Amino acid sequence: MKAFAASLVAAGLVAAAAPLLAHHSAAAAYDETKKVEAQGTVTRLLVKNPHSWIFLESTDDKGQKIEWQIEMGGVTSMAWTKEALPIGAVVKAAGHPSRAPGSHGMTAAIFSKPDGTPLGPRGGRGESVPR
């Protein structure tokens, strides 16, 4: 009977750990050795699991509209709310760029107002890199 109970406990621990082991590193999608900056208008904020997203409308060097897709942590680790970055707010973001050629993505972003005043619940220290 003790062996059966121990087997059940072991199986439960393995099942509980499986989602943690299945999660991926951000290094595959983002270059953590580089930084990129963008300034734009917040158009959408998706606060959800496993990752939240902030979308900024900006312009490139040629004046063409582009959309920055900023990947953040999930709901429990992000510490942001939908009210923290209202739609229409103009912000600066600095983070690690996407590895996808031609894309406008980043992660581990630090946000500020256009004048440099830090924004966010972590006082401008940025979000952790999604793992």
N, C-alpha and C. Protein backbone atom coordinates (compact mmCIF):
# COMPACT_ATOMS: atom_id res chain seq x y z
N MET A 1 0.82 -1.20 0.00
CA MET A 1 0.00 0.00 0.00
C MET A 1 0.87 1.26 0.00
N LYS A 2 1.97 1.26 0.79
CA LYS A 2 2.85 2.41 0.84
C LYS A 2 3.49 2.66 -0.53
N ALA A 3 3.84 1.59 -1.24
CA ALA A 3 4.44 1.73 -2.57
C ALA A 3 3.44 2.36 -3.53
N PHE A 4 2.18 1.97 -3.42
CA PHE A 4 1.15 2.54 -4.30
C PHE A 4 0.96 4.03 -4.01
N ALA A 5 0.91 4.40 -2.74
CA ALA A 5 0.76 5.81 -2.36
C ALA A 5 1.97 6.62 -2.83
N ALA A 6 3.16 6.06 -2.67
CA ALA A 6 4.37 6.75 -3.13
C ALA A 6 4.34 6.93 -4.64
N SER A 7 3.84 5.94 -5.36
CA SER A 7 3.74 6.04 -6.83
C SER A 7 2.78 7.15 -7.23
N LEU A 8 1.67 7.26 -6.50
CA LEU A 8 0.70 8.32 -6.80
C LEU A 8 1.31 9.70 -6.55
N VAL A 9 2.03 9.85 -5.47
CA VAL A 9 2.67 11.13 -5.15
C VAL A 9 3.70 11.47 -6.22
N ALA A 10 4.51 10.50 -6.62
CA ALA A 10 5.53 10.73 -7.65
C ALA A 10 4.87 11.13 -8.97
N ALA A 11 3.80 10.45 -9.34
CA ALA A 11 3.11 10.77 -10.59
C ALA A 11 2.53 12.18 -10.54
N GLY A 12 2.01 12.55 -9.39
CA GLY A 12 1.47 13.91 -9.23
C GLY A 12 2.54 14.97 -9.36
N LEU A 13 3.71 14.73 -8.79
CA LEU A 13 4.81 15.69 -8.90
C LEU A 13 5.29 15.83 -10.34
N VAL A 14 5.38 14.72 -11.05
CA VAL A 14 5.80 14.77 -12.46
C VAL A 14 4.77 15.53 -13.28
N ALA A 15 3.49 15.27 -13.05
CA ALA A 15 2.43 15.97 -13.81
C ALA A 15 2.43 17.47 -13.51
N ALA A 16 2.69 17.83 -12.27
CA ALA A 16 2.71 19.26 -11.92
C ALA A 16 3.90 19.97 -12.52
N ALA A 17 5.02 19.29 -12.67
CA ALA A 17 6.24 19.91 -13.21
C ALA A 17 6.24 19.97 -14.73
N ALA A 18 5.46 19.17 -15.40
CA ALA A 18 5.47 19.10 -16.86
C ALA A 18 5.27 20.44 -17.54
N PRO A 19 4.28 21.27 -17.12
CA PRO A 19 4.13 22.57 -17.79
C PRO A 19 5.37 23.46 -17.64
N LEU A 20 6.07 23.38 -16.51
CA LEU A 20 7.27 24.18 -16.33
C LEU A 20 8.38 23.73 -17.27
N LEU A 21 8.51 22.44 -17.45
CA LEU A 21 9.54 21.91 -18.33
C LEU A 21 9.23 22.21 -19.79
N ALA A 22 7.95 22.31 -20.13
CA ALA A 22 7.55 22.53 -21.52
C ALA A 22 7.71 23.98 -21.95
N HIS A 23 7.85 24.91 -20.99
CA HIS A 23 7.95 26.31 -21.36
C HIS A 23 9.29 26.59 -22.05
N HIS A 24 9.30 27.55 -22.93
CA HIS A 24 10.45 27.82 -23.79
C HIS A 24 11.22 29.06 -23.34
N SER A 25 12.43 29.15 -23.82
CA SER A 25 13.26 30.32 -23.55
C SER A 25 12.98 31.38 -24.59
N ALA A 26 13.14 32.65 -24.21
CA ALA A 26 12.94 33.75 -25.15
C ALA A 26 14.10 33.87 -26.11
N ALA A 27 15.24 33.24 -25.81
CA ALA A 27 16.44 33.36 -26.65
C ALA A 27 16.22 32.86 -28.06
N ALA A 28 15.31 31.93 -28.26
CA ALA A 28 15.06 31.42 -29.60
C ALA A 28 14.38 32.47 -30.48
N ALA A 29 13.55 33.32 -29.89
CA ALA A 29 12.80 34.30 -30.65
C ALA A 29 13.37 35.71 -30.58
N TYR A 30 14.15 36.01 -29.54
CA TYR A 30 14.67 37.36 -29.33
C TYR A 30 16.18 37.32 -29.10
N ASP A 31 16.86 38.36 -29.57
CA ASP A 31 18.31 38.45 -29.40
C ASP A 31 18.61 39.20 -28.11
N GLU A 32 18.93 38.46 -27.07
CA GLU A 32 19.16 39.05 -25.75
C GLU A 32 20.49 39.79 -25.65
N THR A 33 21.29 39.76 -26.71
CA THR A 33 22.56 40.50 -26.71
C THR A 33 22.42 41.88 -27.31
N LYS A 34 21.24 42.20 -27.86
CA LYS A 34 21.00 43.49 -28.51
C LYS A 34 19.84 44.22 -27.86
N LYS A 35 19.79 45.52 -28.10
CA LYS A 35 18.69 46.37 -27.64
C LYS A 35 18.10 47.10 -28.85
N VAL A 36 16.81 47.35 -28.79
CA VAL A 36 16.13 48.13 -29.82
C VAL A 36 15.20 49.10 -29.09
N GLU A 37 14.96 50.26 -29.71
CA GLU A 37 14.07 51.25 -29.12
C GLU A 37 12.99 51.63 -30.12
N ALA A 38 11.84 51.98 -29.59
CA ALA A 38 10.73 52.43 -30.43
C ALA A 38 9.92 53.45 -29.66
N GLN A 39 9.31 54.36 -30.39
CA GLN A 39 8.36 55.30 -29.80
C GLN A 39 7.11 55.23 -30.64
N GLY A 40 5.96 55.15 -29.97
CA GLY A 40 4.72 55.07 -30.72
C GLY A 40 3.51 55.20 -29.83
N THR A 41 2.36 55.03 -30.46
CA THR A 41 1.07 55.14 -29.79
C THR A 41 0.56 53.75 -29.47
N VAL A 42 0.12 53.55 -28.23
CA VAL A 42 -0.44 52.27 -27.82
C VAL A 42 -1.76 52.06 -28.57
N THR A 43 -1.84 50.95 -29.30
CA THR A 43 -3.08 50.65 -30.04
C THR A 43 -3.85 49.49 -29.43
N ARG A 44 -3.13 48.57 -28.77
CA ARG A 44 -3.78 47.42 -28.13
C ARG A 44 -2.93 46.96 -26.96
N LEU A 45 -3.60 46.37 -25.97
CA LEU A 45 -2.93 45.76 -24.83
C LEU A 45 -3.68 44.48 -24.52
N LEU A 46 -3.01 43.36 -24.69
CA LEU A 46 -3.62 42.07 -24.40
C LEU A 46 -2.98 41.52 -23.13
N VAL A 47 -3.73 41.50 -22.04
CA VAL A 47 -3.24 40.97 -20.78
C VAL A 47 -3.81 39.57 -20.64
N LYS A 48 -2.94 38.55 -20.86
CA LYS A 48 -3.40 37.17 -20.83
C LYS A 48 -2.21 36.25 -20.56
N ASN A 49 -2.49 34.99 -20.38
CA ASN A 49 -1.46 33.97 -20.22
C ASN A 49 -1.35 33.15 -21.49
N PRO A 50 -0.20 32.64 -21.86
CA PRO A 50 1.02 32.65 -21.06
C PRO A 50 1.84 33.93 -21.24
N HIS A 51 1.54 34.75 -22.26
CA HIS A 51 2.27 36.00 -22.47
C HIS A 51 1.29 37.10 -22.81
N SER A 52 1.56 38.28 -22.32
CA SER A 52 0.77 39.46 -22.64
C SER A 52 1.49 40.24 -23.74
N TRP A 53 0.76 41.10 -24.42
CA TRP A 53 1.32 41.84 -25.55
C TRP A 53 0.89 43.29 -25.49
N ILE A 54 1.80 44.17 -25.89
CA ILE A 54 1.51 45.59 -26.06
C ILE A 54 1.84 45.91 -27.51
N PHE A 55 0.94 46.59 -28.20
CA PHE A 55 1.13 46.93 -29.60
C PHE A 55 1.26 48.45 -29.73
N LEU A 56 2.31 48.89 -30.41
CA LEU A 56 2.54 50.31 -30.64
C LEU A 56 2.52 50.59 -32.13
N GLU A 57 1.85 51.68 -32.53
CA GLU A 57 1.93 52.13 -33.92
C GLU A 57 3.00 53.21 -33.99
N SER A 58 3.91 53.03 -34.91
CA SER A 58 5.04 53.93 -35.05
C SER A 58 5.30 54.14 -36.54
N THR A 59 6.37 54.84 -36.86
CA THR A 59 6.78 54.98 -38.25
C THR A 59 8.26 54.60 -38.38
N ASP A 60 8.62 54.08 -39.54
CA ASP A 60 10.03 53.73 -39.78
C ASP A 60 10.78 54.92 -40.35
N ASP A 61 12.02 54.71 -40.77
CA ASP A 61 12.87 55.78 -41.31
C ASP A 61 12.29 56.45 -42.54
N LYS A 62 11.44 55.71 -43.27
CA LYS A 62 10.86 56.22 -44.52
C LYS A 62 9.47 56.81 -44.32
N GLY A 63 9.03 56.90 -43.05
CA GLY A 63 7.72 57.46 -42.77
C GLY A 63 6.58 56.46 -42.92
N GLN A 64 6.89 55.19 -43.14
CA GLN A 64 5.86 54.15 -43.28
C GLN A 64 5.39 53.71 -41.89
N LYS A 65 4.06 53.49 -41.75
CA LYS A 65 3.52 53.02 -40.48
C LYS A 65 3.98 51.59 -40.23
N ILE A 66 4.37 51.33 -39.00
CA ILE A 66 4.72 49.98 -38.58
C ILE A 66 4.07 49.69 -37.23
N GLU A 67 3.89 48.42 -36.94
CA GLU A 67 3.33 48.02 -35.66
C GLU A 67 4.40 47.27 -34.88
N TRP A 68 4.74 47.76 -33.70
CA TRP A 68 5.65 47.08 -32.80
C TRP A 68 4.82 46.12 -31.95
N GLN A 69 5.28 44.88 -31.85
CA GLN A 69 4.63 43.86 -31.04
C GLN A 69 5.57 43.55 -29.89
N ILE A 70 5.16 43.94 -28.69
CA ILE A 70 6.03 43.81 -27.52
C ILE A 70 5.49 42.70 -26.63
N GLU A 71 6.28 41.64 -26.52
CA GLU A 71 5.89 40.49 -25.72
C GLU A 71 6.28 40.71 -24.26
N MET A 72 5.33 40.47 -23.39
CA MET A 72 5.53 40.67 -21.95
C MET A 72 5.30 39.35 -21.23
N GLY A 73 5.41 39.37 -19.92
CA GLY A 73 5.13 38.20 -19.12
C GLY A 73 3.64 37.92 -19.08
N GLY A 74 3.27 36.80 -18.47
CA GLY A 74 1.87 36.45 -18.30
C GLY A 74 1.20 37.32 -17.26
N VAL A 75 -0.08 37.11 -17.06
CA VAL A 75 -0.88 37.92 -16.16
C VAL A 75 -0.28 37.96 -14.75
N THR A 76 0.14 36.83 -14.23
CA THR A 76 0.62 36.78 -12.85
C THR A 76 2.00 37.39 -12.68
N SER A 77 2.84 37.35 -13.71
CA SER A 77 4.20 37.88 -13.57
C SER A 77 4.36 39.29 -14.14
N MET A 78 3.41 39.73 -14.93
CA MET A 78 3.56 40.98 -15.66
C MET A 78 3.46 42.22 -14.78
N ALA A 79 2.55 42.24 -13.84
CA ALA A 79 2.33 43.36 -12.94
C ALA A 79 1.68 44.57 -13.61
N TRP A 80 1.42 44.54 -14.89
CA TRP A 80 0.72 45.62 -15.59
C TRP A 80 -0.77 45.34 -15.58
N THR A 81 -1.55 46.39 -15.76
CA THR A 81 -2.98 46.26 -15.95
C THR A 81 -3.34 46.97 -17.26
N LYS A 82 -4.54 46.73 -17.74
CA LYS A 82 -4.98 47.38 -18.96
C LYS A 82 -5.04 48.90 -18.80
N GLU A 83 -5.21 49.37 -17.58
CA GLU A 83 -5.30 50.80 -17.33
C GLU A 83 -3.92 51.47 -17.29
N ALA A 84 -2.86 50.69 -17.12
CA ALA A 84 -1.51 51.25 -16.97
C ALA A 84 -1.01 51.93 -18.24
N LEU A 85 -1.36 51.38 -19.39
CA LEU A 85 -0.98 51.97 -20.68
C LEU A 85 -2.25 52.15 -21.51
N PRO A 86 -2.94 53.25 -21.34
CA PRO A 86 -4.21 53.43 -22.05
C PRO A 86 -4.01 53.53 -23.56
N ILE A 87 -4.99 53.06 -24.28
CA ILE A 87 -5.00 53.16 -25.74
C ILE A 87 -4.86 54.63 -26.09
N GLY A 88 -3.95 54.93 -26.99
CA GLY A 88 -3.73 56.31 -27.40
C GLY A 88 -2.54 56.97 -26.73
N ALA A 89 -2.02 56.35 -25.66
CA ALA A 89 -0.85 56.92 -24.97
C ALA A 89 0.38 56.80 -25.87
N VAL A 90 1.22 57.83 -25.88
CA VAL A 90 2.47 57.80 -26.62
C VAL A 90 3.57 57.41 -25.64
N VAL A 91 4.31 56.36 -25.97
CA VAL A 91 5.35 55.85 -25.08
C VAL A 91 6.61 55.50 -25.85
N LYS A 92 7.70 55.40 -25.11
CA LYS A 92 8.96 54.86 -25.63
C LYS A 92 9.11 53.47 -25.02
N ALA A 93 9.68 52.56 -25.81
CA ALA A 93 9.95 51.22 -25.31
C ALA A 93 11.35 50.82 -25.76
N ALA A 94 12.08 50.16 -24.88
CA ALA A 94 13.41 49.64 -25.20
C ALA A 94 13.48 48.22 -24.70
N GLY A 95 13.94 47.31 -25.56
CA GLY A 95 14.01 45.91 -25.17
C GLY A 95 14.86 45.10 -26.14
N HIS A 96 14.77 43.80 -26.03
CA HIS A 96 15.52 42.90 -26.89
C HIS A 96 14.73 42.67 -28.19
N PRO A 97 15.38 42.82 -29.36
CA PRO A 97 14.66 42.71 -30.64
C PRO A 97 14.35 41.27 -31.04
N SER A 98 13.31 41.15 -31.83
CA SER A 98 12.95 39.86 -32.41
C SER A 98 14.04 39.41 -33.37
N ARG A 99 14.23 38.09 -33.45
CA ARG A 99 15.19 37.53 -34.40
C ARG A 99 14.58 37.36 -35.80
N ALA A 100 13.26 37.47 -35.92
CA ALA A 100 12.59 37.27 -37.21
C ALA A 100 12.92 38.42 -38.15
N PRO A 101 13.51 38.11 -39.31
CA PRO A 101 13.86 39.17 -40.27
C PRO A 101 12.64 40.00 -40.68
N GLY A 102 12.82 41.32 -40.69
CA GLY A 102 11.76 42.22 -41.13
C GLY A 102 10.65 42.46 -40.11
N SER A 103 10.76 41.85 -38.93
CA SER A 103 9.69 42.03 -37.94
C SER A 103 9.99 43.22 -37.03
N HIS A 104 9.00 43.63 -36.31
CA HIS A 104 9.13 44.74 -35.36
C HIS A 104 8.62 44.25 -34.00
N GLY A 105 9.38 43.34 -33.41
CA GLY A 105 9.00 42.78 -32.13
C GLY A 105 10.11 42.99 -31.12
N MET A 106 9.74 42.96 -29.85
CA MET A 106 10.73 43.03 -28.79
C MET A 106 10.16 42.39 -27.54
N THR A 107 11.05 42.11 -26.60
CA THR A 107 10.66 41.59 -25.30
C THR A 107 11.53 42.24 -24.23
N ALA A 108 11.19 41.98 -22.97
CA ALA A 108 11.91 42.55 -21.82
C ALA A 108 11.96 44.07 -21.91
N ALA A 109 10.85 44.66 -22.30
CA ALA A 109 10.80 46.11 -22.56
C ALA A 109 10.77 46.94 -21.29
N ILE A 110 11.43 48.09 -21.39
CA ILE A 110 11.36 49.14 -20.40
C ILE A 110 10.56 50.27 -21.05
N PHE A 111 9.54 50.76 -20.36
CA PHE A 111 8.67 51.79 -20.92
C PHE A 111 8.90 53.13 -20.23
N SER A 112 8.75 54.19 -21.01
CA SER A 112 8.83 55.54 -20.46
C SER A 112 7.92 56.45 -21.28
N LYS A 113 7.67 57.63 -20.72
CA LYS A 113 6.97 58.67 -21.47
C LYS A 113 7.96 59.22 -22.48
N PRO A 114 7.49 59.95 -23.50
CA PRO A 114 8.42 60.52 -24.49
C PRO A 114 9.51 61.39 -23.87
N ASP A 115 9.25 62.00 -22.70
CA ASP A 115 10.27 62.84 -22.06
C ASP A 115 11.27 62.03 -21.22
N GLY A 116 11.08 60.70 -21.17
CA GLY A 116 12.00 59.84 -20.43
C GLY A 116 11.53 59.43 -19.05
N THR A 117 10.41 59.96 -18.58
CA THR A 117 9.87 59.59 -17.27
C THR A 117 9.48 58.10 -17.29
N PRO A 118 10.01 57.29 -16.37
CA PRO A 118 9.69 55.87 -16.37
C PRO A 118 8.21 55.60 -16.17
N LEU A 119 7.73 54.55 -16.83
CA LEU A 119 6.36 54.09 -16.70
C LEU A 119 6.35 52.67 -16.21
N GLY A 120 5.30 52.30 -15.53
CA GLY A 120 5.12 50.91 -15.17
C GLY A 120 5.27 50.61 -13.70
N PRO A 121 4.75 49.46 -13.32
CA PRO A 121 4.74 49.07 -11.91
C PRO A 121 6.12 48.76 -11.36
N ARG A 122 7.10 48.58 -12.21
CA ARG A 122 8.44 48.27 -11.74
C ARG A 122 9.37 49.47 -11.86
N GLY A 123 8.80 50.65 -11.94
CA GLY A 123 9.58 51.88 -11.94
C GLY A 123 10.60 51.98 -13.05
N GLY A 124 10.24 51.51 -14.25
CA GLY A 124 11.14 51.62 -15.38
C GLY A 124 12.24 50.57 -15.42
N ARG A 125 12.15 49.55 -14.55
CA ARG A 125 13.15 48.49 -14.57
C ARG A 125 12.88 47.45 -15.64
N GLY A 126 11.71 47.51 -16.26
CA GLY A 126 11.39 46.60 -17.35
C GLY A 126 10.79 45.30 -16.90
N GLU A 127 10.26 44.62 -17.87
CA GLU A 127 9.69 43.31 -17.64
C GLU A 127 10.79 42.26 -17.73
N SER A 128 10.59 41.18 -17.06
CA SER A 128 11.53 40.07 -17.20
C SER A 128 11.34 39.42 -18.56
N VAL A 129 12.36 38.79 -19.05
CA VAL A 129 12.28 38.11 -20.34
C VAL A 129 11.40 36.89 -20.17
N PRO A 130 10.34 36.74 -21.01
CA PRO A 130 9.50 35.55 -20.91
C PRO A 130 10.34 34.29 -21.08
N ARG A 131 10.10 33.31 -20.27
CA ARG A 131 10.83 32.03 -20.35
C ARG A 131 9.85 30.91 -20.55
